[in-house]
N, C-alpha and C. Protein backbone atom coordinates (compact mmCIF):
# COMPACT_ATOMS: atom_id res chain seq x y z
N MET A 1 -9.94 11.11 8.13
CA MET A 1 -9.58 10.05 7.22
C MET A 1 -8.06 10.04 7.06
N PRO A 2 -7.35 9.28 7.88
CA PRO A 2 -5.89 9.18 7.72
C PRO A 2 -5.54 8.38 6.46
N LEU A 3 -4.73 8.98 5.62
CA LEU A 3 -4.30 8.32 4.38
C LEU A 3 -2.88 7.81 4.51
N TYR A 4 -2.63 6.66 3.92
CA TYR A 4 -1.29 6.07 3.89
C TYR A 4 -0.98 5.59 2.49
N GLY A 5 0.26 5.77 2.11
CA GLY A 5 0.76 5.19 0.88
C GLY A 5 1.49 3.91 1.24
N VAL A 6 1.17 2.84 0.55
CA VAL A 6 1.84 1.57 0.74
C VAL A 6 2.64 1.32 -0.53
N TYR A 7 3.94 1.52 -0.42
CA TYR A 7 4.84 1.36 -1.56
C TYR A 7 5.48 -0.01 -1.48
N GLY A 8 5.53 -0.71 -2.59
CA GLY A 8 6.15 -2.03 -2.59
C GLY A 8 7.00 -2.24 -3.82
N SER A 9 7.99 -3.11 -3.66
CA SER A 9 8.82 -3.51 -4.80
C SER A 9 9.37 -4.90 -4.53
N HIS A 10 9.66 -5.60 -5.62
CA HIS A 10 10.24 -6.93 -5.51
C HIS A 10 11.25 -7.14 -6.63
N THR A 11 12.02 -8.18 -6.53
CA THR A 11 13.01 -8.49 -7.55
C THR A 11 12.36 -9.18 -8.74
N THR A 12 13.07 -9.21 -9.84
CA THR A 12 12.60 -9.92 -11.02
C THR A 12 12.38 -11.40 -10.70
N GLU A 13 13.27 -11.94 -9.88
CA GLU A 13 13.20 -13.37 -9.55
C GLU A 13 11.97 -13.71 -8.70
N THR A 14 11.51 -12.78 -7.86
CA THR A 14 10.35 -13.07 -7.02
C THR A 14 9.05 -12.54 -7.61
N CYS A 15 9.12 -11.96 -8.81
CA CYS A 15 7.93 -11.43 -9.48
C CYS A 15 6.93 -12.56 -9.76
N PRO A 16 5.64 -12.31 -9.53
CA PRO A 16 4.64 -13.34 -9.83
C PRO A 16 4.66 -13.79 -11.30
N LEU A 17 5.18 -12.97 -12.18
CA LEU A 17 5.29 -13.38 -13.58
C LEU A 17 6.35 -14.46 -13.78
N ASN A 18 7.32 -14.53 -12.85
CA ASN A 18 8.46 -15.42 -13.01
C ASN A 18 8.57 -16.48 -11.92
N ASN A 19 7.79 -16.37 -10.88
CA ASN A 19 7.96 -17.24 -9.71
C ASN A 19 6.61 -17.87 -9.35
N ARG A 20 6.52 -19.17 -9.45
CA ARG A 20 5.24 -19.86 -9.23
C ARG A 20 4.72 -19.68 -7.80
N LYS A 21 5.58 -19.79 -6.81
CA LYS A 21 5.13 -19.64 -5.42
C LYS A 21 4.55 -18.25 -5.19
N THR A 22 5.23 -17.23 -5.69
CA THR A 22 4.73 -15.86 -5.56
C THR A 22 3.42 -15.70 -6.33
N ALA A 23 3.34 -16.30 -7.50
CA ALA A 23 2.10 -16.22 -8.30
C ALA A 23 0.94 -16.83 -7.52
N GLU A 24 1.17 -17.97 -6.87
CA GLU A 24 0.12 -18.60 -6.08
C GLU A 24 -0.31 -17.70 -4.92
N THR A 25 0.66 -17.04 -4.29
CA THR A 25 0.35 -16.13 -3.19
C THR A 25 -0.52 -14.97 -3.67
N ILE A 26 -0.15 -14.38 -4.79
CA ILE A 26 -0.87 -13.20 -5.27
C ILE A 26 -2.24 -13.55 -5.82
N VAL A 27 -2.38 -14.71 -6.46
CA VAL A 27 -3.69 -15.14 -6.96
C VAL A 27 -4.61 -15.47 -5.79
N SER A 28 -4.09 -16.12 -4.76
CA SER A 28 -4.88 -16.41 -3.57
C SER A 28 -5.35 -15.11 -2.92
N PHE A 29 -4.46 -14.13 -2.83
CA PHE A 29 -4.81 -12.82 -2.27
C PHE A 29 -5.92 -12.18 -3.11
N ALA A 30 -5.75 -12.17 -4.43
CA ALA A 30 -6.72 -11.52 -5.31
C ALA A 30 -8.08 -12.22 -5.28
N ASP A 31 -8.08 -13.54 -5.09
CA ASP A 31 -9.33 -14.29 -5.06
C ASP A 31 -10.05 -14.22 -3.70
N SER A 32 -9.38 -13.68 -2.70
CA SER A 32 -9.99 -13.59 -1.37
C SER A 32 -10.92 -12.37 -1.30
N ASP A 33 -11.67 -12.29 -0.23
CA ASP A 33 -12.53 -11.13 0.02
C ASP A 33 -11.67 -10.06 0.69
N ILE A 34 -10.92 -9.33 -0.13
CA ILE A 34 -9.92 -8.38 0.37
C ILE A 34 -10.56 -7.32 1.26
N ALA A 35 -11.71 -6.80 0.87
CA ALA A 35 -12.36 -5.75 1.67
C ALA A 35 -12.70 -6.24 3.06
N SER A 36 -13.20 -7.47 3.16
CA SER A 36 -13.54 -8.04 4.46
C SER A 36 -12.29 -8.27 5.30
N ILE A 37 -11.23 -8.78 4.67
CA ILE A 37 -9.97 -8.99 5.38
C ILE A 37 -9.41 -7.65 5.86
N ALA A 38 -9.44 -6.65 4.99
CA ALA A 38 -8.89 -5.33 5.32
C ALA A 38 -9.60 -4.72 6.53
N GLN A 39 -10.89 -4.95 6.65
CA GLN A 39 -11.64 -4.40 7.79
C GLN A 39 -11.09 -4.90 9.12
N LYS A 40 -10.62 -6.15 9.14
CA LYS A 40 -10.05 -6.70 10.39
C LYS A 40 -8.80 -5.94 10.81
N TYR A 41 -8.14 -5.27 9.85
CA TYR A 41 -6.92 -4.51 10.11
C TYR A 41 -7.19 -3.01 10.14
N LYS A 42 -8.46 -2.65 10.27
CA LYS A 42 -8.91 -1.25 10.34
C LYS A 42 -8.48 -0.44 9.13
N ILE A 43 -8.44 -1.13 7.98
CA ILE A 43 -8.25 -0.45 6.70
C ILE A 43 -9.65 -0.17 6.18
N ASN A 44 -10.05 1.08 6.22
CA ASN A 44 -11.43 1.46 5.92
C ASN A 44 -11.75 1.42 4.44
N GLN A 45 -10.77 1.79 3.62
CA GLN A 45 -11.03 1.89 2.19
C GLN A 45 -9.72 1.91 1.43
N GLY A 46 -9.71 1.21 0.32
CA GLY A 46 -8.61 1.35 -0.63
C GLY A 46 -9.00 2.41 -1.64
N LEU A 47 -8.18 3.43 -1.77
CA LEU A 47 -8.53 4.55 -2.66
C LEU A 47 -7.87 4.45 -4.02
N GLY A 48 -6.89 3.58 -4.14
CA GLY A 48 -6.24 3.39 -5.43
C GLY A 48 -5.14 2.35 -5.34
N GLN A 49 -4.96 1.65 -6.44
CA GLN A 49 -3.88 0.67 -6.56
C GLN A 49 -3.22 0.91 -7.91
N TYR A 50 -1.94 1.19 -7.87
CA TYR A 50 -1.20 1.47 -9.09
C TYR A 50 0.00 0.54 -9.14
N HIS A 51 0.18 -0.11 -10.28
CA HIS A 51 1.25 -1.09 -10.42
C HIS A 51 2.04 -0.83 -11.70
N SER A 52 3.33 -1.04 -11.63
CA SER A 52 4.19 -1.00 -12.80
C SER A 52 4.87 -2.36 -12.91
N ALA A 53 4.28 -3.23 -13.71
CA ALA A 53 4.71 -4.63 -13.78
C ALA A 53 6.19 -4.77 -14.13
N LEU A 54 6.65 -4.03 -15.11
CA LEU A 54 8.04 -4.20 -15.55
C LEU A 54 9.04 -3.50 -14.64
N GLU A 55 8.58 -2.58 -13.81
CA GLU A 55 9.45 -1.97 -12.81
C GLU A 55 9.37 -2.72 -11.49
N HIS A 56 8.41 -3.65 -11.40
CA HIS A 56 8.24 -4.49 -10.20
C HIS A 56 7.94 -3.64 -8.96
N THR A 57 7.06 -2.65 -9.15
CA THR A 57 6.70 -1.74 -8.06
C THR A 57 5.18 -1.57 -8.00
N PHE A 58 4.72 -1.14 -6.83
CA PHE A 58 3.31 -0.79 -6.70
C PHE A 58 3.14 0.32 -5.67
N LEU A 59 2.03 1.00 -5.76
CA LEU A 59 1.61 2.01 -4.79
C LEU A 59 0.13 1.81 -4.54
N TRP A 60 -0.21 1.58 -3.31
CA TRP A 60 -1.60 1.54 -2.89
C TRP A 60 -1.84 2.74 -1.98
N ILE A 61 -2.99 3.35 -2.12
CA ILE A 61 -3.39 4.44 -1.22
C ILE A 61 -4.59 3.95 -0.43
N VAL A 62 -4.46 3.99 0.90
CA VAL A 62 -5.51 3.46 1.75
C VAL A 62 -5.89 4.46 2.83
N ASP A 63 -7.15 4.43 3.19
CA ASP A 63 -7.67 5.14 4.35
C ASP A 63 -7.67 4.11 5.47
N ALA A 64 -6.85 4.32 6.47
CA ALA A 64 -6.71 3.33 7.54
C ALA A 64 -6.47 4.02 8.87
N GLU A 65 -6.70 3.28 9.94
CA GLU A 65 -6.59 3.86 11.28
C GLU A 65 -5.21 3.71 11.91
N ASP A 66 -4.42 2.73 11.45
CA ASP A 66 -3.17 2.44 12.15
C ASP A 66 -2.15 1.84 11.18
N PRO A 67 -1.03 2.52 10.98
CA PRO A 67 -0.03 1.99 10.04
C PRO A 67 0.55 0.64 10.49
N HIS A 68 0.54 0.39 11.79
CA HIS A 68 1.05 -0.90 12.27
C HIS A 68 0.11 -2.04 11.86
N LEU A 69 -1.17 -1.74 11.77
CA LEU A 69 -2.12 -2.75 11.29
C LEU A 69 -2.01 -2.96 9.79
N ILE A 70 -1.66 -1.90 9.05
CA ILE A 70 -1.38 -2.07 7.62
C ILE A 70 -0.19 -3.01 7.44
N GLU A 71 0.83 -2.79 8.26
CA GLU A 71 2.00 -3.67 8.23
C GLU A 71 1.59 -5.12 8.49
N ARG A 72 0.78 -5.34 9.50
CA ARG A 72 0.32 -6.69 9.85
C ARG A 72 -0.48 -7.30 8.69
N PHE A 73 -1.33 -6.48 8.04
CA PHE A 73 -2.10 -6.91 6.88
C PHE A 73 -1.17 -7.41 5.77
N CYS A 74 -0.12 -6.65 5.50
CA CYS A 74 0.84 -7.03 4.45
C CYS A 74 1.56 -8.33 4.79
N ILE A 75 1.86 -8.52 6.06
CA ILE A 75 2.53 -9.75 6.49
C ILE A 75 1.56 -10.93 6.42
N ASP A 76 0.39 -10.77 7.02
CA ASP A 76 -0.56 -11.88 7.12
C ASP A 76 -1.12 -12.32 5.77
N THR A 77 -1.25 -11.42 4.83
CA THR A 77 -1.78 -11.79 3.51
C THR A 77 -0.70 -12.31 2.57
N GLY A 78 0.55 -12.21 2.97
CA GLY A 78 1.64 -12.70 2.13
C GLY A 78 2.25 -11.65 1.22
N ILE A 79 1.70 -10.46 1.19
CA ILE A 79 2.24 -9.39 0.33
C ILE A 79 3.69 -9.09 0.71
N ALA A 80 3.98 -9.11 2.00
CA ALA A 80 5.34 -8.81 2.46
C ALA A 80 6.30 -9.99 2.30
N SER A 81 5.79 -11.14 1.89
CA SER A 81 6.67 -12.31 1.76
C SER A 81 7.58 -12.23 0.54
N PHE A 82 7.21 -11.38 -0.43
CA PHE A 82 8.06 -11.23 -1.61
C PHE A 82 8.28 -9.78 -2.01
N ASN A 83 7.75 -8.85 -1.23
CA ASN A 83 7.91 -7.42 -1.51
C ASN A 83 8.60 -6.71 -0.36
N TYR A 84 9.44 -5.74 -0.72
CA TYR A 84 9.88 -4.73 0.23
C TYR A 84 8.68 -3.79 0.33
N VAL A 85 8.22 -3.48 1.54
CA VAL A 85 7.03 -2.64 1.71
C VAL A 85 7.38 -1.45 2.60
N LYS A 86 6.96 -0.28 2.17
CA LYS A 86 7.16 0.95 2.93
C LYS A 86 5.79 1.61 3.09
N ILE A 87 5.45 1.98 4.32
CA ILE A 87 4.16 2.59 4.62
C ILE A 87 4.41 4.01 5.11
N VAL A 88 3.81 4.99 4.43
CA VAL A 88 4.04 6.39 4.80
C VAL A 88 2.70 7.14 4.92
N PRO A 89 2.61 8.04 5.91
CA PRO A 89 1.41 8.87 6.01
C PRO A 89 1.37 9.86 4.85
N LEU A 90 0.18 10.14 4.37
CA LEU A 90 0.00 11.06 3.25
C LEU A 90 -0.94 12.19 3.63
N ILE A 91 -0.70 13.35 3.05
CA ILE A 91 -1.65 14.45 3.09
C ILE A 91 -1.75 15.00 1.68
N THR A 92 -2.85 15.66 1.40
CA THR A 92 -3.00 16.24 0.08
C THR A 92 -2.18 17.52 -0.04
N PHE A 93 -1.98 17.96 -1.24
CA PHE A 93 -1.26 19.19 -1.53
C PHE A 93 -1.90 20.36 -0.79
N ASN A 94 -3.24 20.45 -0.87
CA ASN A 94 -3.95 21.56 -0.23
C ASN A 94 -3.92 21.47 1.29
N GLU A 95 -3.79 20.27 1.84
CA GLU A 95 -3.74 20.12 3.29
C GLU A 95 -2.35 20.39 3.86
N GLY A 96 -1.33 20.12 3.08
CA GLY A 96 0.02 20.19 3.62
C GLY A 96 0.88 21.29 3.07
N VAL A 97 1.05 21.32 1.77
CA VAL A 97 2.00 22.24 1.16
C VAL A 97 1.50 23.69 1.21
N ILE A 98 0.27 23.91 0.80
CA ILE A 98 -0.26 25.27 0.71
C ILE A 98 -0.26 25.98 2.06
N PRO A 99 -0.79 25.37 3.15
CA PRO A 99 -0.73 26.06 4.44
C PRO A 99 0.69 26.36 4.90
N LEU A 100 1.60 25.45 4.64
CA LEU A 100 2.99 25.66 5.03
C LEU A 100 3.62 26.82 4.25
N VAL A 101 3.38 26.86 2.96
CA VAL A 101 3.91 27.96 2.13
C VAL A 101 3.32 29.30 2.59
N LYS A 102 2.02 29.30 2.82
CA LYS A 102 1.36 30.54 3.26
C LYS A 102 1.95 31.02 4.59
N LYS A 103 2.18 30.08 5.51
CA LYS A 103 2.71 30.45 6.81
C LYS A 103 4.13 30.99 6.69
N ILE A 104 4.97 30.29 5.96
CA ILE A 104 6.38 30.69 5.82
C ILE A 104 6.50 32.04 5.09
N GLN A 105 5.68 32.21 4.07
CA GLN A 105 5.76 33.42 3.26
C GLN A 105 4.83 34.53 3.75
N ASN A 106 4.14 34.30 4.84
CA ASN A 106 3.18 35.27 5.38
C ASN A 106 2.16 35.72 4.33
N LEU A 107 1.59 34.77 3.66
CA LEU A 107 0.59 35.07 2.62
C LEU A 107 -0.83 34.92 3.13
């Protein structure tokens, strides 16, 4: 299960709270069958969506097969039309940090 963090941010001016075109894009996205659309981009599951409205940022955690397809999903759905988007591979603390510490410290 490859995990990716999809980090996004936008300006106050392009925020859906302040910009009608952006609001229409985000409402259309929310009203669509997101799970079905995501499957076309090999996004198997959304594990969490966290938003900070007044900071104009979001973090989505997804189980997906290909970060390039996540990128295409963000472009094709309009999410990237008003957001800076960064996609990064994720591992859990127990999968990444602990084994590395044990190896370095010979524990």
